[in-house]
Amino acid sequence: MILRMSLEIITPEKFKSEIFDYTTEKEFEFKGETPIILNFFATWCGPCHAFAPALETVAAAHEAKLKVFKIDIDQHPEVPALFGVRSVPTTVFFSKGEQPALVMGNIGEENLKRAVGDLFGLKS
């Protein structure tokens, strides 16, 4: 399996267009059709770097059925504040018609695959 060299870094503007526009909406409603995993990270965070290969593996395995984004909490603090993120890595799973599911810490590749299967019905 060929892994991506890096996951897409999402900006607040892309977050607003693909996930939720927190500047115009009060109640959360996922905008997308395709499930999304959003990983909050920091460049100085060792566990974030350790978790990145698991995210890349899952992203590569489900490239056509799932989007995986990362957002730097130091560069864009307003987005993690929406979810009360206080530590990194924190990962949020979004799917149509569902509220976001938030998981803190480096959950590892197997637990990430299990979450993708349970939440999105995608098996690795």
Protein backbone atom coordinates (compact mmCIF):
# COMPACT_ATOMS: atom_id res chain seq x y z
CA MET A 1 0.00 0.00 0.00
CA ILE A 2 1.29 3.44 -0.90
CA LEU A 3 0.76 6.02 1.80
CA ARG A 4 0.17 9.70 1.19
CA MET A 5 3.19 11.84 1.89
CA SER A 6 1.08 14.00 4.17
CA LEU A 7 -2.53 14.53 5.04
CA GLU A 8 -4.32 17.65 3.89
CA ILE A 9 -4.06 20.53 6.30
CA ILE A 10 -7.47 22.17 6.50
CA THR A 11 -7.97 25.89 6.99
CA PRO A 12 -10.87 27.47 8.87
CA GLU A 13 -12.30 28.55 5.50
CA LYS A 14 -12.32 24.98 4.19
CA PHE A 15 -13.68 23.75 7.54
CA LYS A 16 -16.58 26.19 7.14
CA SER A 17 -17.29 25.12 3.56
CA GLU A 18 -16.95 21.34 4.03
CA ILE A 19 -17.89 20.64 7.64
CA PHE A 20 -19.70 23.44 9.47
CA ASP A 21 -19.91 27.20 9.07
CA TYR A 22 -19.68 28.35 12.67
CA THR A 23 -19.88 32.01 11.59
CA THR A 24 -23.42 31.72 10.21
CA GLU A 25 -24.97 28.69 11.96
CA LYS A 26 -25.70 28.24 15.66
CA GLU A 27 -26.57 24.53 15.76
CA PHE A 28 -24.09 22.02 14.39
CA GLU A 29 -25.11 20.26 11.19
CA PHE A 30 -22.50 18.49 9.10
CA LYS A 31 -22.48 19.95 5.59
CA GLY A 32 -20.78 17.09 3.80
CA GLU A 33 -21.91 13.90 2.15
CA THR A 34 -18.58 12.08 2.51
CA PRO A 35 -17.52 11.14 6.06
CA ILE A 36 -14.61 13.16 7.41
CA ILE A 37 -11.96 12.54 10.04
CA LEU A 38 -10.47 15.75 11.41
CA ASN A 39 -7.32 15.45 13.49
CA PHE A 40 -6.28 18.33 15.73
CA PHE A 41 -2.50 18.43 16.12
CA ALA A 42 0.46 20.64 16.97
CA THR A 43 3.89 20.62 15.37
CA TRP A 44 5.54 20.28 18.80
CA CYS A 45 3.38 17.27 19.81
CA GLY A 46 5.20 13.91 19.88
CA PRO A 47 2.03 11.78 20.15
CA CYS A 48 0.61 13.69 17.15
CA HIS A 49 3.63 12.70 15.04
CA ALA A 50 3.32 9.10 16.26
CA PHE A 51 -0.39 8.99 15.28
CA ALA A 52 0.09 10.49 11.80
CA PRO A 53 1.03 7.17 10.08
CA ALA A 54 -2.21 5.57 11.32
CA LEU A 55 -4.20 8.46 9.86
CA GLU A 56 -2.31 8.14 6.57
CA THR A 57 -2.94 4.40 6.41
CA VAL A 58 -6.68 4.81 6.98
CA ALA A 59 -6.87 7.73 4.53
CA ALA A 60 -5.12 5.68 1.83
CA ALA A 61 -7.31 2.62 2.45
CA HIS A 62 -10.54 4.62 2.05
CA GLU A 63 -9.46 7.40 -0.28
CA ALA A 64 -12.66 7.36 -2.35
CA LYS A 65 -15.06 7.01 0.60
CA LEU A 66 -13.53 9.14 3.34
CA LYS A 67 -11.73 12.46 3.74
CA VAL A 68 -9.01 12.91 6.35
CA PHE A 69 -7.89 16.38 7.36
CA LYS A 70 -5.55 17.82 9.97
CA ILE A 71 -5.65 21.24 11.59
CA ASP A 72 -2.89 22.88 13.60
CA ILE A 73 -4.30 24.10 16.92
CA ASP A 74 -1.66 26.81 17.22
CA GLN A 75 -2.30 28.30 13.79
CA HIS A 76 -6.10 28.06 13.92
CA PRO A 77 -7.27 27.99 17.57
CA GLU A 78 -10.87 28.98 16.78
CA VAL A 79 -11.73 25.57 15.27
CA PRO A 80 -10.53 23.39 18.18
CA ALA A 81 -12.29 25.81 20.55
CA LEU A 82 -15.61 24.83 18.92
CA PHE A 83 -15.12 21.28 20.22
CA GLY A 84 -13.48 22.11 23.54
CA VAL A 85 -10.19 20.55 22.48
CA ARG A 86 -7.71 20.87 25.34
CA SER A 87 -5.11 18.30 24.36
CA VAL A 88 -3.64 16.87 21.18
CA PRO A 89 -3.94 14.69 19.32
CA THR A 90 -7.72 14.86 19.31
CA THR A 91 -9.66 13.34 16.46
CA VAL A 92 -13.24 14.13 15.44
CA PHE A 93 -15.36 11.92 13.19
CA PHE A 94 -18.10 13.58 11.10
CA SER A 95 -20.84 11.86 9.14
CA LYS A 96 -24.12 13.05 7.63
CA GLY A 97 -27.00 13.18 10.07
CA GLU A 98 -24.81 12.49 13.10
CA GLN A 99 -23.26 14.63 15.80
CA PRO A 100 -19.44 14.70 15.81
CA ALA A 101 -17.71 11.86 17.66
CA LEU A 102 -14.59 13.05 19.49
CA VAL A 103 -11.67 10.88 20.65
CA MET A 104 -8.65 12.20 22.55
CA GLY A 105 -5.12 10.85 22.35
CA ASN A 106 -3.16 8.60 20.04
CA ILE A 107 -5.67 5.77 19.72
CA GLY A 108 -3.42 3.73 17.43
CA GLU A 109 -4.07 2.28 14.01
CA GLU A 110 -6.25 -0.67 15.05
CA ASN A 111 -8.57 1.46 17.17
CA LEU A 112 -8.76 4.05 14.39
CA LYS A 113 -9.73 1.33 11.90
CA ARG A 114 -12.32 0.02 14.36
CA ALA A 115 -13.78 3.52 14.78
CA VAL A 116 -13.99 3.99 11.00
CA GLY A 117 -15.78 0.66 10.73
CA ASP A 118 -18.16 1.36 13.61
CA LEU A 119 -18.93 4.98 12.74
CA PHE A 120 -18.79 4.93 8.93
CA GLY A 121 -19.32 1.27 8.07
CA LEU A 122 -15.96 1.13 6.27
CA LYS A 123 -13.83 -1.96 6.86
CA SER A 124 -10.07 -2.05 6.37
